[in-house]
Amino acid sequence: MTFGPCTFKSTDNDAVPLYLSEMAPYKYRGALNIGFQLSITIGILVAEVLNYFFAKIKGGWGWRLSLGGAVVPALIITLGSLVLPDTPNSMIERGQHEEAKTKLRRIRGVDDVSQEFDDLVAASKESQSIEHPWRNLLRRKYRPHLTMAIMIPFFQQLTGINVIMFYAPVLFNTIGFTTDASLMSAVVTGSVNVAATLVSIYGVDRWGRRFLFLEGGTQMLICQAVVAACIGAKFGVDGTPGELPKWYAIVVVTFICIYVAGFAWSWGPLGWLVPSEIFPLEIRSAAQSITVSVNMIFTFIIAQIFLTMLCHLKFGLFLVFAFFVVVMSIFVYIFLPETKGIPIEEMGQVWRSHWYWSRFVEDGEYGNGLEMGKSSNQGTKHLYGSFEVVKKRSLNPLTS
């Protein structure tokens, strides 16, 4: 019973972000990719609403409907995948060059796609020369990519969001809500999750990835500190709150919602977007698999140890996650360059321009072992303006 959902979720998280990043125009890649996260948040909200009503079914068999209802989205995605078109990258990998060029014209909406097509062909040739992508991933020039593939999903789970989303009813019951009220509170946080993801779709290609990461981290840190203080003041260390005033519970839920909003427009969608857009073609599948594996492993670990941690640490649990939010925000501030507006096959320039990662990426190697754009006579002059902006941002972490 566990194998099916876990396999479905892992393959879905592996394939969909990469698919969207390869298909989307680079100017709108962030917004279109976060559509994946929006679908997830809507699914979570629908599940929470259904759970609220299924819990009212007499006889206690409503949980069977909640569990069996997972068949519906699984069936929709399975049938939908049968009619999805291949990406130009995958067509080129299989030698379908003319079909790939036709598809590229269609999804870009322009007739002249020769430069991007030549870059994709060059990247494909380079990737086909790699016999062992997993071993290749350990090479020095891929050190930045491997670091991000591990650290971003690792930090994403240590924001503590799964504590809220997985155990919201349990958490709200512990705070003092009744069973029905705790389920309704979970519906409220799910609604906030959806609304905040829409904010991320609007701003990711306008404000940039780094801004949303840092703003969301700051917001989550403040909310976790406030929630810890509120729960600690009322529960103490023995976990006995007595009679919990309604206004007090509302304050806690409000800050939890603000926390969920901070995650939903930063680490939630960007934890999938950024890894999917930074990997060169020859290591893309292997690196994305690492990202998904790290995410799933720590999702499992957090889910298993949360209740034990809550019993022993009580309000201190929120302080533990707040500490990791500080660490991950510092990591983003220092080590993550801005990737907004950079074509996915040109992303290697970002690492060459970064004050720290440039020491690992050799000159003339734009992530995939060659300078993209040199395959066409016109080069990449139309992209130099974007590269100059990225270079200025990346050379000094104080700029965002």
Protein backbone atom coordinates (compact mmCIF):
# COMPACT_ATOMS: atom_id res chain seq x y z
CA MET A 1 0.00 0.00 0.00
CA THR A 2 2.95 2.30 0.63
CA PHE A 3 4.92 1.36 -2.51
CA GLY A 4 2.39 2.72 -5.02
CA PRO A 5 1.94 6.28 -3.67
CA CYS A 6 5.66 6.65 -2.91
CA THR A 7 6.68 5.51 -6.38
CA PHE A 8 4.07 7.74 -8.02
CA LYS A 9 5.09 10.79 -6.01
CA SER A 10 8.82 10.33 -6.57
CA THR A 11 8.52 9.85 -10.35
CA ASP A 12 6.09 12.78 -10.57
CA ASN A 13 8.45 15.10 -8.68
CA ASP A 14 11.37 13.90 -10.77
CA ALA A 15 9.83 14.32 -14.22
CA VAL A 16 7.40 17.24 -14.03
CA PRO A 17 9.77 20.08 -12.95
CA LEU A 18 12.32 19.04 -15.58
CA TYR A 19 9.63 18.77 -18.24
CA LEU A 20 8.30 22.25 -17.48
CA SER A 21 11.77 23.81 -17.35
CA GLU A 22 12.67 22.37 -20.74
CA MET A 23 9.39 23.40 -22.39
CA ALA A 24 8.96 26.89 -20.91
CA PRO A 25 10.41 30.08 -22.46
CA TYR A 26 13.18 31.27 -20.14
CA LYS A 27 11.41 34.59 -19.43
CA TYR A 28 8.41 32.75 -17.97
CA ARG A 29 10.08 29.55 -16.81
CA GLY A 30 9.65 30.35 -13.13
CA ALA A 31 5.92 31.06 -13.31
CA LEU A 32 5.13 28.08 -15.53
CA ASN A 33 7.23 25.71 -13.42
CA ILE A 34 5.53 26.83 -10.21
CA GLY A 35 2.25 25.78 -11.82
CA PHE A 36 3.39 22.31 -10.73
CA GLN A 37 3.52 23.45 -7.11
CA LEU A 38 0.17 25.20 -7.48
CA SER A 39 -1.42 21.92 -8.56
CA ILE A 40 0.06 20.23 -5.50
CA THR A 41 -1.30 22.90 -3.14
CA ILE A 42 -4.74 22.71 -4.73
CA GLY A 43 -4.65 18.93 -4.30
CA ILE A 44 -3.70 19.33 -0.64
CA LEU A 45 -6.57 21.77 -0.12
CA VAL A 46 -9.10 19.48 -1.81
CA ALA A 47 -7.89 16.56 0.33
CA GLU A 48 -8.27 18.63 3.50
CA VAL A 49 -11.78 19.74 2.57
CA LEU A 50 -12.79 16.15 1.80
CA ASN A 51 -11.26 14.92 5.05
CA TYR A 52 -13.28 17.53 6.94
CA PHE A 53 -16.56 16.20 5.53
CA PHE A 54 -15.58 12.51 5.52
CA ALA A 55 -14.83 12.79 9.24
CA LYS A 56 -18.53 13.56 9.80
CA ILE A 57 -19.69 10.24 8.32
CA LYS A 58 -21.25 8.06 10.98
CA GLY A 59 -19.67 4.68 11.59
CA GLY A 60 -16.09 5.88 11.30
CA TRP A 61 -15.51 4.52 7.79
CA GLY A 62 -14.91 7.90 6.14
CA TRP A 63 -11.17 7.33 6.16
CA ARG A 64 -11.65 4.68 3.48
CA LEU A 65 -13.02 7.34 1.14
CA SER A 66 -10.08 9.60 1.92
CA LEU A 67 -7.61 6.84 1.11
CA GLY A 68 -9.43 5.52 -1.96
CA GLY A 69 -9.93 9.02 -3.35
CA ALA A 70 -6.24 9.13 -4.24
CA VAL A 71 -7.14 7.00 -7.26
CA VAL A 72 -8.77 10.00 -8.97
CA PRO A 73 -5.74 12.32 -9.34
CA ALA A 74 -3.51 9.31 -10.10
CA LEU A 75 -5.83 8.32 -12.94
CA ILE A 76 -5.98 11.89 -14.30
CA ILE A 77 -2.19 12.22 -14.37
CA THR A 78 -1.73 8.77 -15.89
CA LEU A 79 -4.17 9.46 -18.73
CA GLY A 80 -2.85 12.99 -19.21
CA SER A 81 0.70 11.74 -19.61
CA LEU A 82 -0.40 9.75 -22.67
CA VAL A 83 -1.19 12.94 -24.60
CA LEU A 84 1.71 15.13 -23.39
CA PRO A 85 4.11 16.11 -26.20
CA ASP A 86 7.80 15.34 -25.93
CA THR A 87 10.21 18.19 -25.19
CA PRO A 88 12.57 19.33 -27.96
CA ASN A 89 15.48 18.12 -25.80
CA SER A 90 14.13 14.56 -25.65
CA MET A 91 13.40 14.55 -29.39
CA ILE A 92 16.96 15.63 -30.17
CA GLU A 93 18.29 12.95 -27.82
CA ARG A 94 16.44 10.36 -29.93
CA GLY A 95 17.68 11.83 -33.22
CA GLN A 96 14.37 13.47 -34.23
CA HIS A 97 15.92 16.80 -35.21
CA GLU A 98 13.31 18.06 -37.66
CA GLU A 99 10.46 17.17 -35.31
CA ALA A 100 12.31 18.91 -32.49
CA LYS A 101 12.76 22.09 -34.53
CA THR A 102 9.06 22.07 -35.44
CA LYS A 103 8.09 21.58 -31.80
CA LEU A 104 10.46 24.37 -30.74
CA ARG A 105 8.85 26.79 -33.21
CA ARG A 106 5.43 25.89 -31.88
CA ILE A 107 6.16 26.31 -28.17
CA ARG A 108 8.25 29.49 -28.69
CA GLY A 109 5.77 31.08 -31.11
CA VAL A 110 8.49 32.28 -33.52
CA ASP A 111 9.86 30.96 -36.81
CA ASP A 112 13.56 31.58 -36.19
CA VAL A 113 14.67 29.15 -33.49
CA SER A 114 17.95 28.17 -35.15
CA GLN A 115 20.16 29.51 -32.39
CA GLU A 116 18.33 27.80 -29.52
CA PHE A 117 18.03 24.64 -31.61
CA ASP A 118 21.78 24.61 -32.31
CA ASP A 119 22.47 25.07 -28.61
CA LEU A 120 20.21 22.13 -27.77
CA VAL A 121 21.92 19.96 -30.37
CA ALA A 122 25.35 20.90 -29.01
CA ALA A 123 24.23 20.09 -25.47
CA SER A 124 22.79 16.78 -26.65
CA LYS A 125 26.04 15.78 -28.34
CA GLU A 126 27.94 16.61 -25.18
CA SER A 127 25.53 14.61 -23.01
CA GLN A 128 25.74 11.58 -25.31
CA SER A 129 29.50 11.55 -24.89
CA ILE A 130 29.04 10.92 -21.16
CA GLU A 131 29.01 7.19 -20.44
CA HIS A 132 28.53 7.35 -16.66
CA PRO A 133 26.38 10.36 -15.65
CA TRP A 134 26.41 9.39 -11.97
CA ARG A 135 30.20 9.20 -11.91
CA ASN A 136 30.39 12.34 -14.03
CA LEU A 137 28.31 14.17 -11.43
CA LEU A 138 31.22 13.88 -9.00
CA ARG A 139 33.57 15.84 -11.26
CA ARG A 140 34.88 19.12 -9.91
CA LYS A 141 33.07 21.34 -12.41
CA TYR A 142 29.72 19.95 -11.24
CA ARG A 143 30.42 20.68 -7.58
CA PRO A 144 27.95 23.64 -7.50
CA HIS A 145 25.19 21.56 -9.10
CA LEU A 146 25.68 18.61 -6.75
CA THR A 147 25.72 20.92 -3.73
CA MET A 148 22.41 22.52 -4.72
CA ALA A 149 20.88 19.13 -5.61
CA ILE A 150 21.49 18.01 -2.02
CA MET A 151 21.20 21.14 0.09
CA ILE A 152 18.06 22.74 -1.39
CA PRO A 153 15.73 19.73 -0.80
CA PHE A 154 17.47 19.07 2.53
CA PHE A 155 16.73 22.59 3.74
CA GLN A 156 13.25 22.56 2.22
CA GLN A 157 12.17 19.76 4.55
CA LEU A 158 13.86 21.35 7.56
CA THR A 159 11.71 24.46 7.27
CA GLY A 160 9.20 22.42 9.27
CA ILE A 161 6.43 22.72 6.69
CA ASN A 162 5.61 19.01 6.80
CA VAL A 163 5.00 19.34 10.53
CA ILE A 164 2.23 21.78 9.69
CA MET A 165 0.80 20.12 6.59
CA PHE A 166 1.01 16.48 7.73
CA TYR A 167 -0.03 16.96 11.32
CA ALA A 168 -2.11 20.14 11.26
CA PRO A 169 -5.17 18.47 12.88
CA VAL A 170 -2.99 16.85 15.57
CA LEU A 171 -1.15 20.10 16.18
CA PHE A 172 -4.33 22.16 16.45
CA ASN A 173 -5.88 19.57 18.75
CA THR A 174 -2.81 19.85 20.95
CA ILE A 175 -3.18 23.63 21.00
CA GLY A 176 -6.76 23.28 22.17
CA PHE A 177 -9.11 23.03 19.20
CA THR A 178 -11.83 20.41 18.99
CA THR A 179 -11.58 17.70 16.32
CA ASP A 180 -13.85 19.49 13.82
CA ALA A 181 -12.19 22.84 14.47
CA SER A 182 -8.73 21.37 13.98
CA LEU A 183 -9.72 19.91 10.63
CA MET A 184 -11.22 23.24 9.59
CA SER A 185 -8.00 25.00 10.65
CA ALA A 186 -6.13 22.64 8.34
CA VAL A 187 -8.46 23.72 5.54
CA VAL A 188 -7.63 27.35 6.31
CA THR A 189 -3.88 26.73 6.14
CA GLY A 190 -4.40 24.84 2.87
CA SER A 191 -6.26 27.83 1.42
CA VAL A 192 -3.43 30.12 2.45
CA ASN A 193 -1.01 27.71 0.79
CA VAL A 194 -2.85 28.00 -2.55
CA ALA A 195 -3.16 31.80 -2.39
CA ALA A 196 0.51 32.31 -1.53
CA THR A 197 1.61 30.03 -4.36
CA LEU A 198 -0.24 32.34 -6.75
CA VAL A 199 1.85 35.20 -5.35
CA SER A 200 4.98 33.21 -6.15
CA ILE A 201 3.80 32.63 -9.73
CA TYR A 202 3.33 36.37 -10.12
CA GLY A 203 6.64 37.43 -8.60
CA VAL A 204 9.23 34.75 -9.34
CA ASP A 205 10.14 36.11 -12.78
CA ARG A 206 9.81 39.72 -11.64
CA TRP A 207 11.53 39.76 -8.23
CA GLY A 208 13.85 36.81 -8.70
CA ARG A 209 14.52 33.57 -6.86
CA ARG A 210 16.92 34.95 -4.26
CA PHE A 211 14.51 37.66 -3.11
CA LEU A 212 11.70 35.17 -2.54
CA PHE A 213 14.03 32.72 -0.77
CA LEU A 214 15.31 35.39 1.63
CA GLU A 215 11.96 37.11 2.22
CA GLY A 216 10.22 33.79 2.83
CA GLY A 217 12.98 32.68 5.21
CA THR A 218 12.70 35.87 7.23
CA GLN A 219 8.92 35.54 7.40
CA MET A 220 9.07 31.91 8.52
CA LEU A 221 11.70 32.70 11.14
CA ILE A 222 9.58 35.43 12.74
CA CYS A 223 6.44 33.29 12.74
CA GLN A 224 8.18 30.26 14.24
CA ALA A 225 9.60 32.40 17.03
CA VAL A 226 6.17 33.90 17.78
CA VAL A 227 4.39 30.51 17.72
CA ALA A 228 7.05 29.01 19.99
CA ALA A 229 6.65 31.91 22.43
CA CYS A 230 2.84 31.65 22.43
CA ILE A 231 2.76 27.89 22.92
CA GLY A 232 5.57 28.01 25.48
CA ALA A 233 3.84 30.74 27.50
CA LYS A 234 0.54 28.87 27.64
CA PHE A 235 1.64 25.22 27.73
CA GLY A 236 4.94 25.55 29.57
CA VAL A 237 7.13 22.49 29.66
CA ASP A 238 4.49 20.11 31.04
CA GLY A 239 2.12 20.52 28.08
CA THR A 240 -0.95 21.42 30.16
CA PRO A 241 -2.59 24.61 28.87
CA GLY A 242 -5.67 24.60 31.04
CA GLU A 243 -8.49 26.52 29.37
CA LEU A 244 -7.19 28.02 26.13
CA PRO A 245 -8.87 31.36 25.30
CA LYS A 246 -10.33 31.57 21.80
CA TRP A 247 -8.38 34.72 20.94
CA TYR A 248 -5.17 32.99 21.96
CA ALA A 249 -5.80 30.06 19.62
CA ILE A 250 -6.68 32.48 16.81
CA VAL A 251 -3.35 34.29 17.26
CA VAL A 252 -1.45 30.99 17.00
CA VAL A 253 -3.36 29.92 13.89
CA THR A 254 -2.84 33.36 12.31
CA PHE A 255 0.93 33.18 12.67
CA ILE A 256 0.93 29.58 11.44
CA CYS A 257 -0.93 30.80 8.34
CA ILE A 258 1.60 33.59 7.83
CA TYR A 259 4.32 30.99 8.16
CA VAL A 260 2.63 28.77 5.56
CA ALA A 261 2.36 31.78 3.22
CA GLY A 262 6.08 32.47 3.61
CA PHE A 263 6.91 28.90 2.69
CA ALA A 264 4.39 28.73 -0.16
CA TRP A 265 5.91 31.63 -2.08
CA SER A 266 9.54 30.75 -1.37
CA TRP A 267 10.97 27.38 -0.33
CA GLY A 268 7.88 25.44 -1.43
CA PRO A 269 7.92 26.12 -5.18
CA LEU A 270 11.54 27.27 -5.46
CA GLY A 271 12.77 24.07 -3.87
CA TRP A 272 11.65 22.34 -7.08
CA LEU A 273 12.15 25.18 -9.57
CA VAL A 274 15.80 26.05 -8.92
CA PRO A 275 17.20 22.48 -9.08
CA SER A 276 15.26 21.76 -12.27
CA GLU A 277 16.72 24.75 -14.09
CA ILE A 278 20.40 24.69 -13.06
CA PHE A 279 21.51 21.24 -14.26
CA PRO A 280 23.19 20.87 -17.68
CA LEU A 281 21.72 18.23 -19.93
CA GLU A 282 24.42 15.59 -19.44
CA ILE A 283 23.78 15.34 -15.67
CA ARG A 284 20.18 16.56 -15.58
CA SER A 285 18.45 13.25 -14.94
CA ALA A 286 20.98 12.01 -12.39
CA ALA A 287 21.09 15.31 -10.50
CA GLN A 288 17.30 15.66 -10.42
CA SER A 289 17.06 12.11 -9.10
CA ILE A 290 19.34 13.10 -6.23
CA THR A 291 17.15 16.13 -5.50
CA VAL A 292 14.00 14.02 -5.35
CA SER A 293 15.68 11.28 -3.30
CA VAL A 294 16.97 13.72 -0.69
CA ASN A 295 13.53 15.34 -0.50
CA MET A 296 11.73 12.02 -0.04
CA ILE A 297 14.24 10.71 2.51
CA PHE A 298 13.90 13.74 4.76
CA THR A 299 10.13 13.88 4.26
CA PHE A 300 10.04 10.33 5.64
CA ILE A 301 12.41 11.11 8.51
CA ILE A 302 10.51 14.23 9.61
CA ALA A 303 7.18 12.39 9.42
CA GLN A 304 8.52 9.55 11.60
CA ILE A 305 10.14 11.62 14.32
CA PHE A 306 7.77 14.57 14.56
CA LEU A 307 5.42 13.23 17.23
CA THR A 308 8.33 12.05 19.36
CA MET A 309 10.02 15.44 19.01
CA LEU A 310 6.76 17.21 19.86
CA CYS A 311 6.34 15.14 23.04
CA HIS A 312 9.91 15.80 24.22
CA LEU A 313 10.64 19.31 22.91
CA LYS A 314 7.11 20.75 22.96
CA PHE A 315 7.33 24.43 21.91
CA GLY A 316 11.07 23.99 21.45
CA LEU A 317 10.34 22.06 18.26
CA PHE A 318 9.53 25.32 16.49
CA LEU A 319 12.82 26.79 17.68
CA VAL A 320 14.67 23.83 16.17
CA PHE A 321 13.14 24.52 12.78
CA ALA A 322 13.71 28.26 13.23
CA PHE A 323 17.42 27.56 13.66
CA PHE A 324 17.53 25.68 10.35
CA VAL A 325 15.64 28.53 8.65
CA VAL A 326 18.45 30.87 9.72
CA VAL A 327 21.07 28.46 8.38
CA MET A 328 19.33 27.97 5.03
CA SER A 329 18.79 31.70 4.56
CA ILE A 330 22.50 32.33 5.10
CA PHE A 331 23.28 29.54 2.63
CA VAL A 332 21.07 31.11 -0.05
CA TYR A 333 22.44 34.60 0.65
CA ILE A 334 26.06 33.49 0.19
CA PHE A 335 26.03 30.59 -2.26
CA LEU A 336 22.95 30.68 -4.50
CA PRO A 337 23.23 32.93 -7.58
CA GLU A 338 20.23 34.49 -9.26
CA THR A 339 18.87 32.34 -12.12
CA LYS A 340 16.00 34.57 -13.24
CA GLY A 341 15.81 35.17 -16.98
CA ILE A 342 18.68 32.87 -17.99
CA PRO A 343 18.04 30.21 -20.68
CA ILE A 344 18.38 26.73 -19.21
CA GLU A 345 21.14 25.69 -21.63
CA GLU A 346 23.11 28.86 -20.79
CA MET A 347 22.94 28.44 -17.02
CA GLY A 348 26.63 27.52 -16.74
CA GLN A 349 27.52 31.19 -17.10
CA VAL A 350 25.87 31.83 -13.75
CA TRP A 351 28.37 29.57 -12.00
CA ARG A 352 31.35 31.01 -13.88
CA SER A 353 30.35 34.48 -12.71
CA HIS A 354 29.78 33.54 -9.07
CA TRP A 355 32.37 34.73 -6.54
CA TYR A 356 32.74 31.26 -4.99
CA TRP A 357 31.61 28.65 -7.53
CA SER A 358 33.75 30.12 -10.31
CA ARG A 359 36.77 28.36 -8.82
CA PHE A 360 35.17 24.99 -9.61
CA VAL A 361 33.93 25.74 -13.14
CA GLU A 362 36.73 25.88 -15.69
CA ASP A 363 37.02 28.72 -18.20
CA GLY A 364 35.11 28.03 -21.39
CA GLU A 365 32.92 25.39 -19.76
CA TYR A 366 29.37 26.63 -19.42
CA GLY A 367 28.23 23.75 -17.27
CA ASN A 368 28.09 21.18 -20.05
CA GLY A 369 31.66 21.28 -21.22
CA LEU A 370 31.32 23.87 -24.00
CA GLU A 371 30.30 27.44 -24.53
CA MET A 372 26.72 27.41 -25.58
CA GLY A 373 25.88 29.58 -28.55
CA LYS A 374 29.21 28.95 -30.25
CA SER A 375 27.44 26.36 -32.38
CA SER A 376 25.73 29.14 -34.33
CA ASN A 377 27.43 31.94 -36.18
CA GLN A 378 25.42 34.66 -34.50
CA GLY A 379 26.48 33.61 -30.97
CA THR A 380 24.51 34.68 -27.93
CA LYS A 381 24.76 38.44 -28.12
CA HIS A 382 21.09 38.85 -27.23
CA LEU A 383 21.78 37.18 -23.89
CA TYR A 384 24.86 39.17 -22.85
CA GLY A 385 22.80 41.84 -21.15
CA SER A 386 21.24 39.24 -18.88
CA PHE A 387 24.64 37.68 -18.19
CA GLU A 388 26.10 41.02 -17.17
CA VAL A 389 23.29 41.51 -14.66
CA VAL A 390 23.80 38.01 -13.29
CA LYS A 391 27.56 38.54 -13.09
CA LYS A 392 27.15 41.70 -11.03
CA ARG A 393 24.75 39.91 -8.69
CA SER A 394 26.88 36.80 -8.37
CA LEU A 395 30.29 38.33 -7.78
CA ASN A 396 29.12 39.80 -4.50
CA PRO A 397 26.57 38.05 -2.26
CA LEU A 398 25.61 41.42 -0.79
CA THR A 399 23.69 42.18 -3.96
CA SER A 400 20.45 40.40 -4.67
